[in-house]
């Protein structure tokens, strides 16, 4: 799993949320979230903005994988989750 989907899952796991809880937090139904994670559906910029604002990550993290702007309290967990997905 690479790209946006892997970064969403890394963030979700770092937050300790279920897929439903995480999807609900930015207004996406769980089925659409799963399709986004699997690369079958693109993450809309509106949803990404809500995720960025709600959870304190940057749009650059979500769309481009830029790790330098991750909040300190999530950084190590997100990095561990990303490595586990390799």
N, C-alpha and C. Protein backbone atom coordinates (compact mmCIF):
# COMPACT_ATOMS: atom_id res chain seq x y z
N UNK A 1 0.85 -1.18 0.00
CA UNK A 1 0.00 0.00 0.00
C UNK A 1 0.90 1.24 0.00
N UNK A 2 0.73 2.12 -0.97
CA UNK A 2 1.57 3.31 -1.09
C UNK A 2 0.69 4.53 -1.27
N UNK A 3 1.31 5.66 -1.22
CA UNK A 3 0.63 6.90 -1.53
C UNK A 3 -0.33 7.38 -0.46
N UNK A 4 -1.34 8.07 -0.93
CA UNK A 4 -2.31 8.70 -0.03
C UNK A 4 -2.93 7.67 0.92
N UNK A 5 -3.31 6.53 0.39
CA UNK A 5 -3.94 5.50 1.22
C UNK A 5 -3.07 5.06 2.37
N UNK A 6 -1.79 4.86 2.11
CA UNK A 6 -0.90 4.42 3.20
C UNK A 6 -0.71 5.53 4.22
N UNK A 7 -0.68 6.76 3.76
CA UNK A 7 -0.54 7.88 4.72
C UNK A 7 -1.80 8.07 5.55
N UNK A 8 -2.95 7.87 4.94
CA UNK A 8 -4.20 7.94 5.71
C UNK A 8 -4.23 6.85 6.78
N UNK A 9 -3.88 5.65 6.39
CA UNK A 9 -3.88 4.53 7.35
C UNK A 9 -2.85 4.73 8.45
N UNK A 10 -1.68 5.27 8.11
CA UNK A 10 -0.67 5.53 9.12
C UNK A 10 -1.18 6.56 10.13
N UNK A 11 -1.84 7.59 9.64
CA UNK A 11 -2.41 8.60 10.53
C UNK A 11 -3.52 8.00 11.38
N UNK A 12 -4.41 7.26 10.76
CA UNK A 12 -5.52 6.64 11.50
C UNK A 12 -5.00 5.74 12.61
N UNK A 13 -4.02 4.91 12.30
CA UNK A 13 -3.44 4.02 13.31
C UNK A 13 -2.75 4.80 14.42
N UNK A 14 -2.05 5.87 14.05
CA UNK A 14 -1.38 6.70 15.06
C UNK A 14 -2.39 7.34 16.00
N UNK A 15 -3.57 7.63 15.49
CA UNK A 15 -4.62 8.24 16.31
C UNK A 15 -5.40 7.20 17.12
N UNK A 16 -5.21 5.93 16.78
CA UNK A 16 -5.91 4.86 17.50
C UNK A 16 -7.39 4.78 17.19
N UNK A 17 -7.75 5.14 15.95
CA UNK A 17 -9.16 5.15 15.55
C UNK A 17 -9.48 3.98 14.64
N UNK A 18 -10.73 3.54 14.68
CA UNK A 18 -11.18 2.55 13.71
C UNK A 18 -11.35 3.25 12.37
N UNK A 19 -11.48 2.47 11.32
CA UNK A 19 -11.71 3.08 9.99
C UNK A 19 -12.98 3.91 10.00
N UNK A 20 -14.03 3.41 10.63
CA UNK A 20 -15.30 4.16 10.69
C UNK A 20 -15.13 5.46 11.45
N UNK A 21 -14.50 5.41 12.61
CA UNK A 21 -14.30 6.63 13.41
C UNK A 21 -13.50 7.67 12.62
N UNK A 22 -12.43 7.22 11.97
CA UNK A 22 -11.59 8.14 11.22
C UNK A 22 -12.36 8.72 10.03
N UNK A 23 -13.03 7.86 9.27
CA UNK A 23 -13.80 8.34 8.11
C UNK A 23 -14.88 9.33 8.56
N UNK A 24 -15.57 9.01 9.64
CA UNK A 24 -16.60 9.92 10.17
C UNK A 24 -16.02 11.28 10.56
N UNK A 25 -14.76 11.30 11.01
CA UNK A 25 -14.17 12.54 11.48
C UNK A 25 -13.98 13.57 10.37
N UNK A 26 -14.02 13.13 9.12
CA UNK A 26 -13.93 14.09 8.03
C UNK A 26 -15.04 13.92 7.00
N UNK A 27 -16.13 13.27 7.41
CA UNK A 27 -17.34 13.23 6.61
C UNK A 27 -17.35 12.26 5.45
N UNK A 28 -16.60 11.17 5.56
CA UNK A 28 -16.58 10.16 4.50
C UNK A 28 -17.18 8.87 5.04
N UNK A 29 -17.97 8.19 4.22
CA UNK A 29 -18.52 6.93 4.70
C UNK A 29 -17.41 5.86 4.66
N UNK A 30 -17.50 4.86 5.52
CA UNK A 30 -16.45 3.85 5.62
C UNK A 30 -16.13 3.14 4.31
N UNK A 31 -17.14 2.88 3.50
CA UNK A 31 -16.91 2.22 2.21
C UNK A 31 -16.06 3.08 1.29
N UNK A 32 -16.35 4.37 1.22
CA UNK A 32 -15.55 5.28 0.39
C UNK A 32 -14.14 5.42 0.95
N UNK A 33 -14.02 5.40 2.28
CA UNK A 33 -12.69 5.47 2.89
C UNK A 33 -11.85 4.26 2.46
N UNK A 34 -12.45 3.07 2.53
CA UNK A 34 -11.73 1.86 2.13
C UNK A 34 -11.30 1.94 0.68
N UNK A 35 -12.16 2.45 -0.19
CA UNK A 35 -11.81 2.60 -1.60
C UNK A 35 -10.67 3.60 -1.78
N UNK A 36 -10.67 4.64 -0.97
CA UNK A 36 -9.58 5.62 -1.03
C UNK A 36 -8.27 5.00 -0.59
N UNK A 37 -8.30 4.25 0.50
CA UNK A 37 -7.11 3.58 1.01
C UNK A 37 -6.57 2.59 -0.02
N UNK A 38 -7.47 1.91 -0.71
CA UNK A 38 -7.07 0.91 -1.69
C UNK A 38 -6.70 1.51 -3.05
N UNK A 39 -6.80 2.82 -3.18
CA UNK A 39 -6.44 3.48 -4.43
C UNK A 39 -7.50 3.41 -5.50
N UNK A 40 -8.70 3.00 -5.14
CA UNK A 40 -9.81 2.91 -6.10
C UNK A 40 -10.55 4.23 -6.25
N UNK A 41 -10.30 5.14 -5.32
CA UNK A 41 -10.97 6.43 -5.31
C UNK A 41 -9.98 7.47 -4.81
N UNK A 42 -10.00 8.65 -5.41
CA UNK A 42 -9.09 9.70 -4.97
C UNK A 42 -9.62 10.41 -3.73
N UNK A 43 -8.70 10.87 -2.90
CA UNK A 43 -9.07 11.69 -1.76
C UNK A 43 -9.37 13.09 -2.27
N UNK A 44 -10.56 13.55 -2.01
CA UNK A 44 -10.94 14.89 -2.46
C UNK A 44 -10.23 15.94 -1.61
N UNK A 45 -9.90 17.04 -2.24
CA UNK A 45 -9.17 18.09 -1.54
C UNK A 45 -9.96 18.64 -0.36
N UNK A 46 -11.28 18.68 -0.47
CA UNK A 46 -12.12 19.17 0.64
C UNK A 46 -11.97 18.27 1.86
N UNK A 47 -11.97 16.95 1.64
CA UNK A 47 -11.81 16.01 2.74
C UNK A 47 -10.40 16.10 3.31
N UNK A 48 -9.41 16.25 2.44
CA UNK A 48 -8.03 16.38 2.91
C UNK A 48 -7.86 17.62 3.77
N UNK A 49 -8.51 18.71 3.40
CA UNK A 49 -8.44 19.94 4.18
C UNK A 49 -9.02 19.72 5.58
N UNK A 50 -10.15 19.02 5.65
CA UNK A 50 -10.76 18.74 6.96
C UNK A 50 -9.84 17.87 7.80
N UNK A 51 -9.23 16.86 7.19
CA UNK A 51 -8.28 16.00 7.91
C UNK A 51 -7.11 16.84 8.43
N UNK A 52 -6.56 17.67 7.57
CA UNK A 52 -5.42 18.51 7.96
C UNK A 52 -5.78 19.43 9.12
N UNK A 53 -6.92 20.06 9.05
CA UNK A 53 -7.35 20.96 10.12
C UNK A 53 -7.68 20.22 11.41
N UNK A 54 -8.38 19.11 11.29
CA UNK A 54 -8.84 18.35 12.47
C UNK A 54 -7.69 17.66 13.19
N UNK A 55 -6.76 17.08 12.42
CA UNK A 55 -5.73 16.24 13.02
C UNK A 55 -4.33 16.87 12.99
N UNK A 56 -4.20 18.06 12.45
CA UNK A 56 -2.93 18.80 12.54
C UNK A 56 -1.83 18.34 11.61
N UNK A 57 -2.19 17.63 10.54
CA UNK A 57 -1.19 17.26 9.55
C UNK A 57 -1.32 18.20 8.36
N UNK A 58 -0.30 18.23 7.53
CA UNK A 58 -0.34 19.14 6.38
C UNK A 58 -0.93 18.45 5.15
N UNK A 59 -1.41 19.25 4.23
CA UNK A 59 -1.86 18.74 2.93
C UNK A 59 -0.67 18.11 2.21
N UNK A 60 0.53 18.67 2.42
CA UNK A 60 1.73 18.10 1.81
C UNK A 60 1.98 16.68 2.32
N UNK A 61 1.70 16.43 3.58
CA UNK A 61 1.84 15.07 4.10
C UNK A 61 0.85 14.15 3.39
N UNK A 62 -0.40 14.57 3.32
CA UNK A 62 -1.44 13.71 2.76
C UNK A 62 -1.20 13.41 1.28
N UNK A 63 -0.90 14.42 0.50
CA UNK A 63 -0.82 14.25 -0.95
C UNK A 63 0.59 13.95 -1.47
N UNK A 64 1.61 14.45 -0.78
CA UNK A 64 2.97 14.30 -1.31
C UNK A 64 3.88 13.46 -0.42
N UNK A 65 3.43 13.18 0.79
CA UNK A 65 4.25 12.38 1.69
C UNK A 65 5.31 13.15 2.44
N UNK A 66 5.19 14.46 2.50
CA UNK A 66 6.17 15.27 3.21
C UNK A 66 6.04 15.04 4.72
N UNK A 67 7.09 14.51 5.30
CA UNK A 67 7.04 14.11 6.72
C UNK A 67 7.52 15.19 7.67
N UNK A 68 8.20 16.19 7.17
CA UNK A 68 8.84 17.18 8.05
C UNK A 68 7.85 18.04 8.84
N UNK A 69 6.63 18.15 8.36
CA UNK A 69 5.66 19.01 9.05
C UNK A 69 4.69 18.24 9.95
N UNK A 70 4.98 16.97 10.20
CA UNK A 70 4.10 16.20 11.06
C UNK A 70 4.16 16.71 12.49
N UNK A 71 3.02 16.73 13.20
CA UNK A 71 3.05 17.12 14.61
C UNK A 71 3.92 16.16 15.40
N UNK A 72 4.69 16.69 16.30
CA UNK A 72 5.64 15.88 17.09
C UNK A 72 4.95 14.71 17.80
N UNK A 73 3.75 14.95 18.34
CA UNK A 73 3.07 13.89 19.10
C UNK A 73 2.61 12.73 18.21
N UNK A 74 2.58 12.91 16.90
CA UNK A 74 2.18 11.84 15.98
C UNK A 74 3.33 11.30 15.14
N UNK A 75 4.41 12.04 15.06
CA UNK A 75 5.50 11.73 14.12
C UNK A 75 6.02 10.29 14.23
N UNK A 76 6.44 9.85 15.40
CA UNK A 76 7.06 8.53 15.51
C UNK A 76 6.06 7.42 15.22
N UNK A 77 4.83 7.58 15.66
CA UNK A 77 3.82 6.56 15.40
C UNK A 77 3.48 6.48 13.91
N UNK A 78 3.36 7.63 13.26
CA UNK A 78 3.08 7.63 11.82
C UNK A 78 4.23 6.99 11.06
N UNK A 79 5.45 7.35 11.41
CA UNK A 79 6.62 6.77 10.74
C UNK A 79 6.67 5.26 10.93
N UNK A 80 6.38 4.79 12.13
CA UNK A 80 6.36 3.34 12.40
C UNK A 80 5.28 2.65 11.56
N UNK A 81 4.13 3.28 11.47
CA UNK A 81 3.03 2.70 10.69
C UNK A 81 3.36 2.68 9.20
N UNK A 82 4.02 3.71 8.71
CA UNK A 82 4.42 3.74 7.30
C UNK A 82 5.43 2.65 7.00
N UNK A 83 6.39 2.46 7.90
CA UNK A 83 7.41 1.41 7.71
C UNK A 83 6.79 0.03 7.76
N UNK A 84 5.81 -0.15 8.63
CA UNK A 84 5.14 -1.46 8.76
C UNK A 84 4.37 -1.80 7.49
N UNK A 85 3.92 -0.77 6.75
CA UNK A 85 3.16 -1.00 5.52
C UNK A 85 4.03 -1.32 4.33
N UNK A 86 5.36 -1.21 4.48
CA UNK A 86 6.26 -1.52 3.35
C UNK A 86 6.26 -2.98 2.99
